[in-house]
């Protein structure tokens, strides 16, 4: 059974904090916990996220330590990285895309 999110605790919804459960502090709390969550699920990995563009951190890029990832562009819809694999001479660029459901956000 699905239940709606509790957006305001005992005092109801907070005004002026957007649609982030817990407001800005809640979004920051989620961002701070995200790398720890990833490391508890997948050992010896690094993670790159886009929380600075969206309170949900819609894009998570996770990679093993033997891969070198360098972000070159980040937005709410896209993270582009250069990727260099340990045993390869040449690297490549890789885009990671979140396609929003909203036509307006995809522009």
C-alpha atoms as a PDB file:
ATOM      1  CA  UNK A   1       0.000   0.000   0.000  1.00  0.00           C
ATOM      2  CA  UNK A   2       1.341   3.438  -0.924  1.00  0.00           C
ATOM      3  CA  UNK A   3       1.226   6.276   1.589  1.00  0.00           C
ATOM      4  CA  UNK A   4       1.764   9.963   0.843  1.00  0.00           C
ATOM      5  CA  UNK A   5       5.000  11.520   2.049  1.00  0.00           C
ATOM      6  CA  UNK A   6       4.867  13.329   5.374  1.00  0.00           C
ATOM      7  CA  UNK A   7       6.000  16.761   4.266  1.00  0.00           C
ATOM      8  CA  UNK A   8       5.827  18.650   7.509  1.00  0.00           C
ATOM      9  CA  UNK A   9       6.086  16.417  10.538  1.00  0.00           C
ATOM     10  CA  UNK A  10       3.795  17.163  13.468  1.00  0.00           C
ATOM     11  CA  UNK A  11       3.183  20.762  12.391  1.00  0.00           C
ATOM     12  CA  UNK A  12       1.998  20.157   8.815  1.00  0.00           C
ATOM     13  CA  UNK A  13       3.611  21.356   5.571  1.00  0.00           C
ATOM     14  CA  UNK A  14       6.217  24.117   5.791  1.00  0.00           C
ATOM     15  CA  UNK A  15       5.719  27.115   3.571  1.00  0.00           C
ATOM     16  CA  UNK A  16       8.422  28.446   1.273  1.00  0.00           C
ATOM     17  CA  UNK A  17      10.545  25.322   1.022  1.00  0.00           C
ATOM     18  CA  UNK A  18       9.410  23.952  -2.332  1.00  0.00           C
ATOM     19  CA  UNK A  19       8.493  20.307  -2.644  1.00  0.00           C
ATOM     20  CA  UNK A  20      11.483  19.009  -0.713  1.00  0.00           C
ATOM     21  CA  UNK A  21      10.398  16.826   2.225  1.00  0.00           C
ATOM     22  CA  UNK A  22      11.987  18.432   5.247  1.00  0.00           C
ATOM     23  CA  UNK A  23      12.831  21.623   3.356  1.00  0.00           C
ATOM     24  CA  UNK A  24      16.377  22.681   2.468  1.00  0.00           C
ATOM     25  CA  UNK A  25      17.770  20.982   5.572  1.00  0.00           C
ATOM     26  CA  UNK A  26      16.083  17.727   4.525  1.00  0.00           C
ATOM     27  CA  UNK A  27      17.628  17.928   1.046  1.00  0.00           C
ATOM     28  CA  UNK A  28      21.072  18.603   2.518  1.00  0.00           C
ATOM     29  CA  UNK A  29      20.624  15.697   4.929  1.00  0.00           C
ATOM     30  CA  UNK A  30      19.792  13.361   2.013  1.00  0.00           C
ATOM     31  CA  UNK A  31      22.805  14.584   0.035  1.00  0.00           C
ATOM     32  CA  UNK A  32      25.145  14.015   2.964  1.00  0.00           C
ATOM     33  CA  UNK A  33      23.820  10.476   3.463  1.00  0.00           C
ATOM     34  CA  UNK A  34      23.879   9.477  -0.205  1.00  0.00           C
ATOM     35  CA  UNK A  35      27.618   8.655  -0.529  1.00  0.00           C
ATOM     36  CA  UNK A  36      27.451   6.630   2.702  1.00  0.00           C
ATOM     37  CA  UNK A  37      24.422   4.762   1.353  1.00  0.00           C
ATOM     38  CA  UNK A  38      26.248   3.928  -1.896  1.00  0.00           C
ATOM     39  CA  UNK A  39      29.371   2.752  -0.048  1.00  0.00           C
ATOM     40  CA  UNK A  40      27.264   0.504   2.192  1.00  0.00           C
ATOM     41  CA  UNK A  41      25.710  -1.164  -0.867  1.00  0.00           C
ATOM     42  CA  UNK A  42      28.714  -1.304  -3.225  1.00  0.00           C
ATOM     43  CA  UNK A  43      32.206  -1.527  -1.729  1.00  0.00           C
ATOM     44  CA  UNK A  44      35.274   0.293  -3.136  1.00  0.00           C
ATOM     45  CA  UNK A  45      33.277   2.666  -5.306  1.00  0.00           C
ATOM     46  CA  UNK A  46      33.082   6.404  -5.850  1.00  0.00           C
ATOM     47  CA  UNK A  47      29.942   8.389  -6.562  1.00  0.00           C
ATOM     48  CA  UNK A  48      29.083  11.625  -8.361  1.00  0.00           C
ATOM     49  CA  UNK A  49      25.631  13.200  -7.924  1.00  0.00           C
ATOM     50  CA  UNK A  50      23.765  16.318  -8.987  1.00  0.00           C
ATOM     51  CA  UNK A  51      22.129  17.411  -5.722  1.00  0.00           C
ATOM     52  CA  UNK A  52      23.326  20.973  -6.297  1.00  0.00           C
ATOM     53  CA  UNK A  53      20.839  21.181  -9.190  1.00  0.00           C
ATOM     54  CA  UNK A  54      17.911  19.163  -7.806  1.00  0.00           C
ATOM     55  CA  UNK A  55      16.958  18.301  -4.235  1.00  0.00           C
ATOM     56  CA  UNK A  56      16.339  14.693  -5.315  1.00  0.00           C
ATOM     57  CA  UNK A  57      19.819  14.195  -6.775  1.00  0.00           C
ATOM     58  CA  UNK A  58      18.302  12.560  -9.825  1.00  0.00           C
ATOM     59  CA  UNK A  59      21.572  11.405 -11.383  1.00  0.00           C
ATOM     60  CA  UNK A  60      23.993   9.181  -9.489  1.00  0.00           C
ATOM     61  CA  UNK A  61      27.128   7.991 -11.294  1.00  0.00           C
ATOM     62  CA  UNK A  62      28.851   5.145  -9.417  1.00  0.00           C
ATOM     63  CA  UNK A  63      32.171   3.611 -10.473  1.00  0.00           C
ATOM     64  CA  UNK A  64      34.850   1.242  -9.237  1.00  0.00           C
ATOM     65  CA  UNK A  65      38.177   2.617  -8.038  1.00  0.00           C
ATOM     66  CA  UNK A  66      40.068   1.261 -11.066  1.00  0.00           C
ATOM     67  CA  UNK A  67      38.208   3.755 -13.294  1.00  0.00           C
ATOM     68  CA  UNK A  68      39.089   7.456 -13.470  1.00  0.00           C
ATOM     69  CA  UNK A  69      36.030   9.736 -13.844  1.00  0.00           C
ATOM     70  CA  UNK A  70      36.330  13.497 -14.301  1.00  0.00           C
ATOM     71  CA  UNK A  71      33.105  15.530 -14.511  1.00  0.00           C
ATOM     72  CA  UNK A  72      33.137  18.142 -17.261  1.00  0.00           C
ATOM     73  CA  UNK A  73      29.522  19.383 -17.071  1.00  0.00           C
ATOM     74  CA  UNK A  74      26.680  19.054 -14.570  1.00  0.00           C
ATOM     75  CA  UNK A  75      23.065  20.240 -14.615  1.00  0.00           C
ATOM     76  CA  UNK A  76      19.692  19.052 -13.388  1.00  0.00           C
ATOM     77  CA  UNK A  77      19.331  16.939 -16.540  1.00  0.00           C
ATOM     78  CA  UNK A  78      22.885  15.905 -17.413  1.00  0.00           C
ATOM     79  CA  UNK A  79      26.273  14.913 -16.045  1.00  0.00           C
ATOM     80  CA  UNK A  80      28.999  14.601 -18.694  1.00  0.00           C
ATOM     81  CA  UNK A  81      32.269  12.965 -17.662  1.00  0.00           C
ATOM     82  CA  UNK A  82      35.539  11.951 -19.187  1.00  0.00           C
ATOM     83  CA  UNK A  83      36.183   8.292 -18.439  1.00  0.00           C
ATOM     84  CA  UNK A  84      39.556   6.543 -18.405  1.00  0.00           C
ATOM     85  CA  UNK A  85      39.593   2.815 -17.758  1.00  0.00           C
ATOM     86  CA  UNK A  86      42.616   1.451 -15.926  1.00  0.00           C
ATOM     87  CA  UNK A  87      43.769  -0.936 -18.658  1.00  0.00           C
ATOM     88  CA  UNK A  88      42.998   1.343 -21.640  1.00  0.00           C
ATOM     89  CA  UNK A  89      45.292   3.901 -23.262  1.00  0.00           C
ATOM     90  CA  UNK A  90      42.517   6.215 -24.469  1.00  0.00           C
ATOM     91  CA  UNK A  91      39.586   7.654 -22.571  1.00  0.00           C
ATOM     92  CA  UNK A  92      36.157   8.740 -23.748  1.00  0.00           C
ATOM     93  CA  UNK A  93      33.340  11.124 -22.804  1.00  0.00           C
ATOM     94  CA  UNK A  94      30.112   9.725 -21.410  1.00  0.00           C
ATOM     95  CA  UNK A  95      26.857  11.634 -20.812  1.00  0.00           C
ATOM     96  CA  UNK A  96      24.483  10.489 -18.053  1.00  0.00           C
ATOM     97  CA  UNK A  97      21.008  11.879 -18.740  1.00  0.00           C
ATOM     98  CA  UNK A  98      17.895  12.301 -16.626  1.00  0.00           C
ATOM     99  CA  UNK A  99      14.933  12.978 -18.906  1.00  0.00           C
ATOM    100  CA  UNK A 100      12.363  14.854 -16.866  1.00  0.00           C
ATOM    101  CA  UNK A 101       8.691  14.046 -17.317  1.00  0.00           C
ATOM    102  CA  UNK A 102       8.011  17.749 -17.691  1.00  0.00           C
ATOM    103  CA  UNK A 103       8.476  19.182 -21.173  1.00  0.00           C
ATOM    104  CA  UNK A 104       9.319  22.558 -19.633  1.00  0.00           C
ATOM    105  CA  UNK A 105      12.169  21.087 -17.514  1.00  0.00           C
ATOM    106  CA  UNK A 106      13.643  19.274 -20.531  1.00  0.00           C
ATOM    107  CA  UNK A 107      14.332  22.562 -22.345  1.00  0.00           C
END
